[in-house]
Amino acid sequence: MTGNKNEPQAASPEPQAPSLEPRASGLLLPRNRVLSFSRMPLVMGIVNVTPDSFSDGGDHFDRAVAIESALRMEEEGATIIDVGGESTRPGADPVEEEEELFRVLPVIEGIRNRSDVAISVDTMKSAVAVAALRSGADIVNDVTALRHDEAMTDVIRDAMVPVILMHMRGEPRTMQSHVHYDDLIGEIKGELASWVGNAVARGVNRNSILIDPGIGFGKTFEHNIEILARSRELTAIAPMVMGASRKAFIGHLIARGKGASRAAGSLAAVAAAVMSGAAIVRVHDVRETVDFLRVFTPVVEGMS
């Protein structure tokens, strides 16, 4: 044994997040298509094929309406269409696998038959992800960050498709029942980095991973504001998706009810996402968001 026991001992090294490779400049999609990132975030349009989503529940429950809405969003400037068949609003009840498949597959197939737009499937179930990818989806958006279904990581690895890992504690039904952080951004950053590291360790290509800080998912009003203000601190982990559109904290700030009445407030959240370096913004109001970004992004560039 060497060294003097009276000498000060070196502190134990702090746990390190997984080593980070350079940020990807885009995403490789099936059929050799590429989504390139630029200063202006890509716009992801939301199509919830559900009767109970918090903002547009029921609006797209009819398949034909959902398909037409998706194609209209593409015309308005959406680069990605996010199709989901299970509500993840606070308190939402789970949807059986067969019902979720029944809801989303015809919509994904209908969009793909008429368009080459990138399609994301919003699901936490590996069987739904597999079927959706076979039906023409390109990206998996998992609000549980591959933690709900053990097989989901294998699906992403084997299909070699991009995946969005969102930050959430618990599950949608219970996530707002006990919300506590000692260091909000530090804990979100550490947990997301750990989940990214786990996926990479199991063979998922790091350059196919995106992260979402999970605004409104197990977060308080104050937490949501802090995430918008400080989310640039998360972008070293992976390209970031920001989904604040029409959420409750916006309604609280502007005293508006649910739905489209929150569109203007949602654009302010998009502005914060631009300032934070988000690669993608997930929104309900595509036309308004694209118009806003075409004006706001050059202004931000001119200020830098």
C-alpha atoms as a PDB file:
ATOM      1  CA  MET A   1       0.000   0.000   0.000  1.00  0.00           C
ATOM      2  CA  THR A   2       1.466   3.400  -0.942  1.00  0.00           C
ATOM      3  CA  GLY A   3       0.852   6.997   0.023  1.00  0.00           C
ATOM      4  CA  ASN A   4       0.515   8.784   3.357  1.00  0.00           C
ATOM      5  CA  LYS A   5      -2.777   8.184   5.091  1.00  0.00           C
ATOM      6  CA  ASN A   6      -2.668  11.796   6.301  1.00  0.00           C
ATOM      7  CA  GLU A   7      -2.507  13.165   2.792  1.00  0.00           C
ATOM      8  CA  PRO A   8      -5.806  14.399   1.334  1.00  0.00           C
ATOM      9  CA  GLN A   9      -7.400  11.726  -0.796  1.00  0.00           C
ATOM     10  CA  ALA A  10      -8.617  12.438  -4.288  1.00  0.00           C
ATOM     11  CA  ALA A  11     -12.379  12.678  -4.541  1.00  0.00           C
ATOM     12  CA  SER A  12     -14.150   9.817  -6.262  1.00  0.00           C
ATOM     13  CA  PRO A  13     -14.808  10.714  -9.888  1.00  0.00           C
ATOM     14  CA  GLU A  14     -18.326  11.846 -10.713  1.00  0.00           C
ATOM     15  CA  PRO A  15     -20.377   9.375 -12.780  1.00  0.00           C
ATOM     16  CA  GLN A  16     -20.031  10.246 -16.429  1.00  0.00           C
ATOM     17  CA  ALA A  17     -22.764  10.283 -19.049  1.00  0.00           C
ATOM     18  CA  PRO A  18     -22.126   8.075 -22.085  1.00  0.00           C
ATOM     19  CA  SER A  19     -19.538   9.555 -24.437  1.00  0.00           C
ATOM     20  CA  LEU A  20     -21.179  11.673 -27.088  1.00  0.00           C
ATOM     21  CA  GLU A  21     -20.315  11.515 -30.763  1.00  0.00           C
ATOM     22  CA  PRO A  22     -20.698  14.587 -32.987  1.00  0.00           C
ATOM     23  CA  ARG A  23     -24.307  15.587 -33.546  1.00  0.00           C
ATOM     24  CA  ALA A  24     -25.870  14.136 -36.663  1.00  0.00           C
ATOM     25  CA  SER A  25     -26.659  16.537 -39.493  1.00  0.00           C
ATOM     26  CA  GLY A  26     -29.792  14.639 -40.400  1.00  0.00           C
ATOM     27  CA  LEU A  27     -31.676  11.375 -40.221  1.00  0.00           C
ATOM     28  CA  LEU A  28     -31.446   8.417 -42.570  1.00  0.00           C
ATOM     29  CA  LEU A  29     -34.922   7.064 -43.290  1.00  0.00           C
ATOM     30  CA  PRO A  30     -36.003   3.816 -44.944  1.00  0.00           C
ATOM     31  CA  ARG A  31     -35.681   3.650 -48.729  1.00  0.00           C
ATOM     32  CA  ASN A  32     -32.472   5.735 -48.564  1.00  0.00           C
ATOM     33  CA  ARG A  33     -34.223   9.028 -47.881  1.00  0.00           C
ATOM     34  CA  VAL A  34     -32.580  11.662 -45.689  1.00  0.00           C
ATOM     35  CA  LEU A  35     -34.055  14.369 -43.464  1.00  0.00           C
ATOM     36  CA  SER A  36     -31.493  17.147 -43.178  1.00  0.00           C
ATOM     37  CA  PHE A  37     -31.371  19.452 -40.157  1.00  0.00           C
ATOM     38  CA  SER A  38     -30.814  23.170 -40.626  1.00  0.00           C
ATOM     39  CA  ARG A  39     -31.111  26.328 -38.550  1.00  0.00           C
ATOM     40  CA  MET A  40     -34.882  26.294 -39.074  1.00  0.00           C
ATOM     41  CA  PRO A  41     -36.409  23.333 -37.217  1.00  0.00           C
ATOM     42  CA  LEU A  42     -38.296  20.737 -39.168  1.00  0.00           C
ATOM     43  CA  VAL A  43     -42.025  20.751 -38.517  1.00  0.00           C
ATOM     44  CA  MET A  44     -43.778  17.574 -37.352  1.00  0.00           C
ATOM     45  CA  GLY A  45     -47.558  17.678 -37.748  1.00  0.00           C
ATOM     46  CA  ILE A  46     -49.689  15.833 -35.186  1.00  0.00           C
ATOM     47  CA  VAL A  47     -52.437  13.429 -36.274  1.00  0.00           C
ATOM     48  CA  ASN A  48     -53.995  11.753 -33.239  1.00  0.00           C
ATOM     49  CA  VAL A  49     -56.290   8.937 -34.357  1.00  0.00           C
ATOM     50  CA  THR A  50     -57.963   8.913 -30.944  1.00  0.00           C
ATOM     51  CA  PRO A  51     -61.236   9.987 -29.348  1.00  0.00           C
ATOM     52  CA  ASP A  52     -59.588  11.404 -26.221  1.00  0.00           C
ATOM     53  CA  SER A  53     -56.312  13.234 -26.894  1.00  0.00           C
ATOM     54  CA  PHE A  54     -56.012  16.450 -24.896  1.00  0.00           C
ATOM     55  CA  SER A  55     -56.243  18.932 -27.782  1.00  0.00           C
ATOM     56  CA  ASP A  56     -57.542  17.257 -30.934  1.00  0.00           C
ATOM     57  CA  GLY A  57     -59.215  14.151 -29.542  1.00  0.00           C
ATOM     58  CA  GLY A  58     -61.851  13.011 -32.034  1.00  0.00           C
ATOM     59  CA  ASP A  59     -60.802  15.444 -34.774  1.00  0.00           C
ATOM     60  CA  HIS A  60     -58.946  12.723 -36.692  1.00  0.00           C
ATOM     61  CA  PHE A  61     -60.717   9.620 -35.396  1.00  0.00           C
ATOM     62  CA  ASP A  62     -62.257   9.084 -38.823  1.00  0.00           C
ATOM     63  CA  ARG A  63     -59.596   7.478 -41.024  1.00  0.00           C
ATOM     64  CA  ALA A  64     -60.391   9.473 -44.136  1.00  0.00           C
ATOM     65  CA  VAL A  65     -60.288  12.718 -42.176  1.00  0.00           C
ATOM     66  CA  ALA A  66     -56.966  11.742 -40.616  1.00  0.00           C
ATOM     67  CA  ILE A  67     -55.408  10.959 -43.998  1.00  0.00           C
ATOM     68  CA  GLU A  68     -56.651  14.184 -45.578  1.00  0.00           C
ATOM     69  CA  SER A  69     -55.438  16.185 -42.563  1.00  0.00           C
ATOM     70  CA  ALA A  70     -51.987  14.634 -42.870  1.00  0.00           C
ATOM     71  CA  LEU A  71     -51.755  15.418 -46.577  1.00  0.00           C
ATOM     72  CA  ARG A  72     -52.905  18.982 -45.916  1.00  0.00           C
ATOM     73  CA  MET A  73     -50.205  19.348 -43.261  1.00  0.00           C
ATOM     74  CA  GLU A  74     -47.629  18.229 -45.800  1.00  0.00           C
ATOM     75  CA  GLU A  75     -48.877  20.871 -48.242  1.00  0.00           C
ATOM     76  CA  GLU A  76     -48.605  23.460 -45.472  1.00  0.00           C
ATOM     77  CA  GLY A  77     -44.944  22.603 -44.900  1.00  0.00           C
ATOM     78  CA  ALA A  78     -44.773  19.677 -42.489  1.00  0.00           C
ATOM     79  CA  THR A  79     -41.752  17.470 -43.104  1.00  0.00           C
ATOM     80  CA  ILE A  80     -42.942  14.718 -40.760  1.00  0.00           C
ATOM     81  CA  ILE A  81     -46.432  13.481 -39.855  1.00  0.00           C
ATOM     82  CA  ASP A  82     -46.732  11.946 -36.381  1.00  0.00           C
ATOM     83  CA  VAL A  83     -49.554   9.375 -36.222  1.00  0.00           C
ATOM     84  CA  GLY A  84     -50.701   8.111 -32.833  1.00  0.00           C
ATOM     85  CA  GLY A  85     -53.496   5.785 -31.773  1.00  0.00           C
ATOM     86  CA  GLU A  86     -53.236   6.004 -27.983  1.00  0.00           C
ATOM     87  CA  SER A  87     -53.735   9.164 -25.957  1.00  0.00           C
ATOM     88  CA  THR A  88     -50.862   9.984 -23.607  1.00  0.00           C
ATOM     89  CA  ARG A  89     -52.568  12.906 -21.890  1.00  0.00           C
ATOM     90  CA  PRO A  90     -52.378  12.879 -18.058  1.00  0.00           C
ATOM     91  CA  GLY A  91     -54.777  10.296 -16.675  1.00  0.00           C
ATOM     92  CA  ALA A  92     -55.346   8.553 -20.007  1.00  0.00           C
ATOM     93  CA  ASP A  93     -56.302   4.876 -19.894  1.00  0.00           C
ATOM     94  CA  PRO A  94     -54.185   2.382 -21.865  1.00  0.00           C
ATOM     95  CA  VAL A  95     -55.353   1.192 -25.284  1.00  0.00           C
ATOM     96  CA  GLU A  96     -55.204  -2.491 -26.200  1.00  0.00           C
ATOM     97  CA  GLU A  97     -52.690  -3.437 -28.887  1.00  0.00           C
ATOM     98  CA  GLU A  98     -55.298  -4.631 -31.385  1.00  0.00           C
ATOM     99  CA  GLU A  99     -57.287  -1.417 -31.041  1.00  0.00           C
ATOM    100  CA  GLU A 100     -54.192   0.719 -31.531  1.00  0.00           C
ATOM    101  CA  LEU A 101     -53.278  -1.253 -34.653  1.00  0.00           C
ATOM    102  CA  PHE A 102     -56.841  -0.881 -35.938  1.00  0.00           C
ATOM    103  CA  ARG A 103     -56.585   2.883 -35.527  1.00  0.00           C
ATOM    104  CA  VAL A 104     -53.148   3.683 -36.942  1.00  0.00           C
ATOM    105  CA  LEU A 105     -52.341   1.173 -39.688  1.00  0.00           C
ATOM    106  CA  PRO A 106     -55.003   2.256 -42.209  1.00  0.00           C
ATOM    107  CA  VAL A 107     -54.007   5.885 -41.696  1.00  0.00           C
ATOM    108  CA  ILE A 108     -50.298   5.211 -42.179  1.00  0.00           C
ATOM    109  CA  GLU A 109     -51.026   3.104 -45.253  1.00  0.00           C
ATOM    110  CA  GLY A 110     -53.366   5.758 -46.629  1.00  0.00           C
ATOM    111  CA  ILE A 111     -50.766   8.503 -46.233  1.00  0.00           C
ATOM    112  CA  ARG A 112     -47.988   6.373 -47.702  1.00  0.00           C
ATOM    113  CA  ASN A 113     -50.073   5.403 -50.725  1.00  0.00           C
ATOM    114  CA  ARG A 114     -50.425   9.070 -51.628  1.00  0.00           C
ATOM    115  CA  SER A 115     -47.258  10.700 -50.344  1.00  0.00           C
ATOM    116  CA  ASP A 116     -43.574  10.143 -49.605  1.00  0.00           C
ATOM    117  CA  VAL A 117     -43.693  12.430 -46.549  1.00  0.00           C
ATOM    118  CA  ALA A 118     -41.831  11.099 -43.510  1.00  0.00           C
ATOM    119  CA  ILE A 119     -44.204   9.343 -41.089  1.00  0.00           C
ATOM    120  CA  SER A 120     -43.612   8.870 -37.394  1.00  0.00           C
ATOM    121  CA  VAL A 121     -45.644   6.376 -35.369  1.00  0.00           C
ATOM    122  CA  ASP A 122     -46.298   7.520 -31.801  1.00  0.00           C
ATOM    123  CA  THR A 123     -46.384   4.269 -29.825  1.00  0.00           C
ATOM    124  CA  MET A 124     -44.831   2.512 -26.841  1.00  0.00           C
ATOM    125  CA  LYS A 125     -45.671  -0.998 -28.101  1.00  0.00           C
ATOM    126  CA  SER A 126     -43.149  -2.985 -30.139  1.00  0.00           C
ATOM    127  CA  ALA A 127     -45.809  -4.906 -32.092  1.00  0.00           C
ATOM    128  CA  VAL A 128     -47.439  -1.655 -33.163  1.00  0.00           C
ATOM    129  CA  ALA A 129     -44.056  -0.236 -34.164  1.00  0.00           C
ATOM    130  CA  VAL A 130     -43.248  -3.312 -36.284  1.00  0.00           C
ATOM    131  CA  ALA A 131     -46.599  -3.235 -38.076  1.00  0.00           C
ATOM    132  CA  ALA A 132     -46.430   0.520 -38.594  1.00  0.00           C
ATOM    133  CA  LEU A 133     -42.942   0.335 -40.102  1.00  0.00           C
ATOM    134  CA  ARG A 134     -44.113  -2.408 -42.462  1.00  0.00           C
ATOM    135  CA  SER A 135     -47.060  -0.203 -43.444  1.00  0.00           C
ATOM    136  CA  GLY A 136     -44.826   2.723 -44.394  1.00  0.00           C
ATOM    137  CA  ALA A 137     -43.795   4.535 -41.213  1.00  0.00           C
ATOM    138  CA  ASP A 138     -40.211   5.792 -41.012  1.00  0.00           C
ATOM    139  CA  ILE A 139     -39.678   6.859 -37.390  1.00  0.00           C
ATOM    140  CA  VAL A 140     -40.769   5.570 -33.974  1.00  0.00           C
ATOM    141  CA  ASN A 141     -41.770   8.142 -31.344  1.00  0.00           C
ATOM    142  CA  ASP A 142     -41.756   6.416 -27.934  1.00  0.00           C
ATOM    143  CA  VAL A 143     -42.900   8.517 -24.967  1.00  0.00           C
ATOM    144  CA  THR A 144     -41.392   5.927 -22.616  1.00  0.00           C
ATOM    145  CA  ALA A 145     -37.919   6.095 -24.199  1.00  0.00           C
ATOM    146  CA  LEU A 146     -37.890   2.332 -24.972  1.00  0.00           C
ATOM    147  CA  ARG A 147     -38.563   1.449 -21.301  1.00  0.00           C
ATOM    148  CA  HIS A 148     -42.177   0.256 -21.485  1.00  0.00           C
ATOM    149  CA  ASP A 149     -41.646  -2.630 -23.905  1.00  0.00           C
ATOM    150  CA  GLU A 150     -38.379  -4.553 -23.666  1.00  0.00           C
ATOM    151  CA  ALA A 151     -38.589  -5.588 -27.330  1.00  0.00           C
ATOM    152  CA  MET A 152     -38.837  -2.023 -28.660  1.00  0.00           C
ATOM    153  CA  THR A 153     -35.068  -1.499 -28.621  1.00  0.00           C
ATOM    154  CA  ASP A 154     -34.587  -4.605 -30.745  1.00  0.00           C
ATOM    155  CA  VAL A 155     -37.189  -3.347 -33.216  1.00  0.00           C
ATOM    156  CA  ILE A 156     -35.355  -0.031 -33.633  1.00  0.00           C
ATOM    157  CA  ARG A 157     -31.973  -1.730 -33.949  1.00  0.00           C
ATOM    158  CA  ASP A 158     -33.098  -4.334 -36.472  1.00  0.00           C
ATOM    159  CA  ALA A 159     -35.171  -1.933 -38.593  1.00  0.00           C
ATOM    160  CA  MET A 160     -32.405   0.707 -38.461  1.00  0.00           C
ATOM    161  CA  VAL A 161     -34.908   3.551 -38.187  1.00  0.00           C
ATOM    162  CA  PRO A 162     -34.784   6.802 -36.213  1.00  0.00           C
ATOM    163  CA  VAL A 163     -36.331   6.859 -32.752  1.00  0.00           C
ATOM    164  CA  ILE A 164     -37.445   9.686 -30.463  1.00  0.00           C
ATOM    165  CA  LEU A 165     -36.783   9.069 -26.765  1.00  0.00           C
ATOM    166  CA  MET A 166     -38.995  11.257 -24.597  1.00  0.00           C
ATOM    167  CA  HIS A 167     -38.439  12.069 -20.944  1.00  0.00           C
ATOM    168  CA  MET A 168     -41.212  10.894 -18.655  1.00  0.00           C
ATOM    169  CA  ARG A 169     -41.346   9.337 -15.219  1.00  0.00           C
ATOM    170  CA  GLY A 170     -44.058   6.779 -14.569  1.00  0.00           C
ATOM    171  CA  GLU A 171     -46.785   6.281 -17.139  1.00  0.00           C
ATOM    172  CA  PRO A 172     -49.337   8.661 -18.687  1.00  0.00           C
ATOM    173  CA  ARG A 173     -52.112   7.528 -16.338  1.00  0.00           C
ATOM    174  CA  THR A 174     -50.110   8.351 -13.204  1.00  0.00           C
ATOM    175  CA  MET A 175     -47.320  10.702 -14.286  1.00  0.00           C
ATOM    176  CA  GLN A 176     -48.848  13.837 -12.698  1.00  0.00           C
ATOM    177  CA  SER A 177     -49.651  12.209  -9.348  1.00  0.00           C
ATOM    178  CA  HIS A 178     -46.203  12.785  -7.824  1.00  0.00           C
ATOM    179  CA  VAL A 179     -43.908  15.259  -9.540  1.00  0.00           C
ATOM    180  CA  HIS A 180     -40.665  16.191  -7.814  1.00  0.00           C
ATOM    181  CA  TYR A 181     -37.209  17.217  -9.009  1.00  0.00           C
ATOM    182  CA  ASP A 182     -34.292  18.544  -6.995  1.00  0.00           C
ATOM    183  CA  ASP A 183     -32.494  19.646 -10.166  1.00  0.00           C
ATOM    184  CA  LEU A 184     -34.950  19.634 -13.058  1.00  0.00           C
ATOM    185  CA  ILE A 185     -32.649  20.089 -16.051  1.00  0.00           C
ATOM    186  CA  GLY A 186     -29.796  18.146 -14.485  1.00  0.00           C
ATOM    187  CA  GLU A 187     -32.033  15.165 -13.777  1.00  0.00           C
ATOM    188  CA  ILE A 188     -33.699  15.245 -17.205  1.00  0.00           C
ATOM    189  CA  LYS A 189     -30.288  15.483 -18.846  1.00  0.00           C
ATOM    190  CA  GLY A 190     -28.870  12.619 -16.812  1.00  0.00           C
ATOM    191  CA  GLU A 191     -31.838  10.329 -17.406  1.00  0.00           C
ATOM    192  CA  LEU A 192     -32.030  11.028 -21.137  1.00  0.00           C
ATOM    193  CA  ALA A 193     -28.275  10.490 -21.507  1.00  0.00           C
ATOM    194  CA  SER A 194     -28.582   7.202 -19.636  1.00  0.00           C
ATOM    195  CA  TRP A 195     -31.469   6.001 -21.828  1.00  0.00           C
ATOM    196  CA  VAL A 196     -29.571   6.979 -24.977  1.00  0.00           C
ATOM    197  CA  GLY A 197     -26.552   5.091 -23.657  1.00  0.00           C
ATOM    198  CA  ASN A 198     -28.651   2.011 -22.966  1.00  0.00           C
ATOM    199  CA  ALA A 199     -30.041   2.040 -26.502  1.00  0.00           C
ATOM    200  CA  VAL A 200     -26.588   2.444 -28.042  1.00  0.00           C
ATOM    201  CA  ALA A 201     -25.217  -0.359 -25.864  1.00  0.00           C
ATOM    202  CA  ARG A 202     -27.897  -2.633 -27.323  1.00  0.00           C
ATOM    203  CA  GLY A 203     -26.957  -1.803 -30.895  1.00  0.00           C
ATOM    204  CA  VAL A 204     -29.064   1.244 -31.813  1.00  0.00           C
ATOM    205  CA  ASN A 205     -27.156   3.697 -34.008  1.00  0.00           C
ATOM    206  CA  ARG A 206     -26.528   6.851 -31.975  1.00  0.00           C
ATOM    207  CA  ASN A 207     -27.096   9.001 -35.049  1.00  0.00           C
ATOM    208  CA  SER A 208     -30.629   7.633 -35.338  1.00  0.00           C
ATOM    209  CA  ILE A 209     -31.627   8.814 -31.842  1.00  0.00           C
ATOM    210  CA  LEU A 210     -33.469  12.030 -31.024  1.00  0.00           C
ATOM    211  CA  ILE A 211     -34.557  13.241 -27.592  1.00  0.00           C
ATOM    212  CA  ASP A 212     -37.643  15.067 -26.313  1.00  0.00           C
ATOM    213  CA  PRO A 213     -37.593  16.747 -22.858  1.00  0.00           C
ATOM    214  CA  GLY A 214     -41.221  15.763 -22.311  1.00  0.00           C
ATOM    215  CA  ILE A 215     -43.019  19.026 -21.663  1.00  0.00           C
ATOM    216  CA  GLY A 216     -46.251  18.244 -19.831  1.00  0.00           C
ATOM    217  CA  PHE A 217     -45.241  14.657 -19.063  1.00  0.00           C
ATOM    218  CA  GLY A 218     -44.739  14.436 -15.318  1.00  0.00           C
ATOM    219  CA  LYS A 219     -43.912  18.141 -15.119  1.00  0.00           C
ATOM    220  CA  THR A 220     -45.519  21.076 -13.330  1.00  0.00           C
ATOM    221  CA  PHE A 221     -46.363  24.443 -14.863  1.00  0.00           C
ATOM    222  CA  GLU A 222     -43.088  25.874 -13.534  1.00  0.00           C
ATOM    223  CA  HIS A 223     -41.128  22.893 -14.847  1.00  0.00           C
ATOM    224  CA  ASN A 224     -42.499  23.380 -18.355  1.00  0.00           C
ATOM    225  CA  ILE A 225     -41.420  27.030 -18.389  1.00  0.00           C
ATOM    226  CA  GLU A 226     -37.946  26.135 -17.142  1.00  0.00           C
ATOM    227  CA  ILE A 227     -37.557  23.458 -19.816  1.00  0.00           C
ATOM    228  CA  LEU A 228     -38.411  25.964 -22.540  1.00  0.00           C
ATOM    229  CA  ALA A 229     -35.917  28.429 -21.075  1.00  0.00           C
ATOM    230  CA  ARG A 230     -33.045  25.978 -20.573  1.00  0.00           C
ATOM    231  CA  SER A 231     -33.480  23.112 -23.027  1.00  0.00           C
ATOM    232  CA  ARG A 232     -30.375  24.122 -25.009  1.00  0.00           C
ATOM    233  CA  GLU A 233     -28.488  22.373 -22.201  1.00  0.00           C
ATOM    234  CA  LEU A 234     -29.908  19.077 -23.486  1.00  0.00           C
ATOM    235  CA  THR A 235     -28.893  19.350 -27.128  1.00  0.00           C
ATOM    236  CA  ALA A 236     -25.415  17.885 -26.594  1.00  0.00           C
ATOM    237  CA  ILE A 237     -27.080  14.513 -25.964  1.00  0.00           C
ATOM    238  CA  ALA A 238     -28.844  14.228 -29.331  1.00  0.00           C
ATOM    239  CA  PRO A 239     -30.926  16.343 -31.736  1.00  0.00           C
ATOM    240  CA  MET A 240     -33.940  17.621 -29.828  1.00  0.00           C
ATOM    241  CA  VAL A 241     -37.655  17.412 -30.575  1.00  0.00           C
ATOM    242  CA  MET A 242     -39.792  20.012 -28.794  1.00  0.00           C
ATOM    243  CA  GLY A 243     -43.493  19.305 -28.315  1.00  0.00           C
ATOM    244  CA  ALA A 244     -45.258  22.101 -26.439  1.00  0.00           C
ATOM    245  CA  SER A 245     -48.128  22.685 -28.857  1.00  0.00           C
ATOM    246  CA  ARG A 246     -51.459  23.650 -27.229  1.00  0.00           C
ATOM    247  CA  LYS A 247     -50.461  22.199 -23.859  1.00  0.00           C
ATOM    248  CA  ALA A 248     -52.073  23.147 -20.550  1.00  0.00           C
ATOM    249  CA  PHE A 249     -49.343  25.505 -19.382  1.00  0.00           C
ATOM    250  CA  ILE A 250     -49.950  27.618 -22.495  1.00  0.00           C
ATOM    251  CA  GLY A 251     -53.676  27.721 -21.755  1.00  0.00           C
ATOM    252  CA  HIS A 252     -52.860  28.765 -18.200  1.00  0.00           C
ATOM    253  CA  LEU A 253     -50.637  31.622 -19.354  1.00  0.00           C
ATOM    254  CA  ILE A 254     -53.032  33.041 -21.948  1.00  0.00           C
ATOM    255  CA  ALA A 255     -56.329  32.039 -20.291  1.00  0.00           C
ATOM    256  CA  ARG A 256     -57.546  30.068 -23.306  1.00  0.00           C
ATOM    257  CA  GLY A 257     -59.488  26.838 -23.450  1.00  0.00           C
ATOM    258  CA  LYS A 258     -58.319  23.691 -25.195  1.00  0.00           C
ATOM    259  CA  GLY A 259     -57.578  23.393 -28.876  1.00  0.00           C
ATOM    260  CA  ALA A 260     -56.870  25.924 -31.590  1.00  0.00           C
ATOM    261  CA  SER A 261     -57.430  28.922 -29.314  1.00  0.00           C
ATOM    262  CA  ARG A 262     -53.954  28.201 -27.932  1.00  0.00           C
ATOM    263  CA  ALA A 263     -52.262  28.471 -31.351  1.00  0.00           C
ATOM    264  CA  ALA A 264     -50.726  31.920 -30.800  1.00  0.00           C
ATOM    265  CA  GLY A 265     -49.331  30.895 -27.440  1.00  0.00           C
ATOM    266  CA  SER A 266     -47.940  27.756 -29.035  1.00  0.00           C
ATOM    267  CA  LEU A 267     -45.966  29.902 -31.493  1.00  0.00           C
ATOM    268  CA  ALA A 268     -44.226  31.557 -28.560  1.00  0.00           C
ATOM    269  CA  ALA A 269     -43.150  28.093 -27.435  1.00  0.00           C
ATOM    270  CA  VAL A 270     -41.878  27.437 -30.976  1.00  0.00           C
ATOM    271  CA  ALA A 271     -39.790  30.622 -30.695  1.00  0.00           C
ATOM    272  CA  ALA A 272     -38.259  29.287 -27.488  1.00  0.00           C
ATOM    273  CA  ALA A 273     -37.553  25.988 -29.244  1.00  0.00           C
ATOM    274  CA  VAL A 274     -35.720  27.818 -32.042  1.00  0.00           C
ATOM    275  CA  MET A 275     -33.614  29.711 -29.500  1.00  0.00           C
ATOM    276  CA  SER A 276     -32.817  26.410 -27.780  1.00  0.00           C
ATOM    277  CA  GLY A 277     -31.562  24.776 -30.958  1.00  0.00           C
ATOM    278  CA  ALA A 278     -34.391  22.278 -31.439  1.00  0.00           C
ATOM    279  CA  ALA A 279     -34.091  20.161 -34.575  1.00  0.00           C
ATOM    280  CA  ILE A 280     -37.832  19.421 -34.792  1.00  0.00           C
ATOM    281  CA  VAL A 281     -40.965  21.077 -33.431  1.00  0.00           C
ATOM    282  CA  ARG A 282     -44.052  18.887 -32.982  1.00  0.00           C
ATOM    283  CA  VAL A 283     -47.193  20.939 -33.557  1.00  0.00           C
ATOM    284  CA  HIS A 284     -50.914  20.880 -34.288  1.00  0.00           C
ATOM    285  CA  ASP A 285     -50.992  24.161 -36.245  1.00  0.00           C
ATOM    286  CA  VAL A 286     -48.646  23.475 -39.149  1.00  0.00           C
ATOM    287  CA  ARG A 287     -49.407  26.385 -41.485  1.00  0.00           C
ATOM    288  CA  GLU A 288     -49.073  28.980 -38.725  1.00  0.00           C
ATOM    289  CA  THR A 289     -45.875  27.383 -37.433  1.00  0.00           C
ATOM    290  CA  VAL A 290     -44.215  27.230 -40.854  1.00  0.00           C
ATOM    291  CA  ASP A 291     -45.111  30.876 -41.556  1.00  0.00           C
ATOM    292  CA  PHE A 292     -43.766  31.893 -38.160  1.00  0.00           C
ATOM    293  CA  LEU A 293     -40.497  30.018 -38.638  1.00  0.00           C
ATOM    294  CA  ARG A 294     -39.924  31.517 -42.087  1.00  0.00           C
ATOM    295  CA  VAL A 295     -39.924  34.966 -40.502  1.00  0.00           C
ATOM    296  CA  PHE A 296     -38.461  34.289 -37.072  1.00  0.00           C
ATOM    297  CA  THR A 297     -35.526  32.031 -38.009  1.00  0.00           C
ATOM    298  CA  PRO A 298     -33.781  34.544 -40.327  1.00  0.00           C
ATOM    299  CA  VAL A 299     -34.164  37.192 -37.623  1.00  0.00           C
ATOM    300  CA  VAL A 300     -32.445  34.945 -35.097  1.00  0.00           C
ATOM    301  CA  GLU A 301     -29.695  34.191 -37.609  1.00  0.00           C
ATOM    302  CA  GLY A 302     -29.192  37.902 -38.164  1.00  0.00           C
ATOM    303  CA  MET A 303     -28.803  38.513 -34.442  1.00  0.00           C
ATOM    304  CA  SER A 304     -26.114  35.855 -34.005  1.00  0.00           C
END
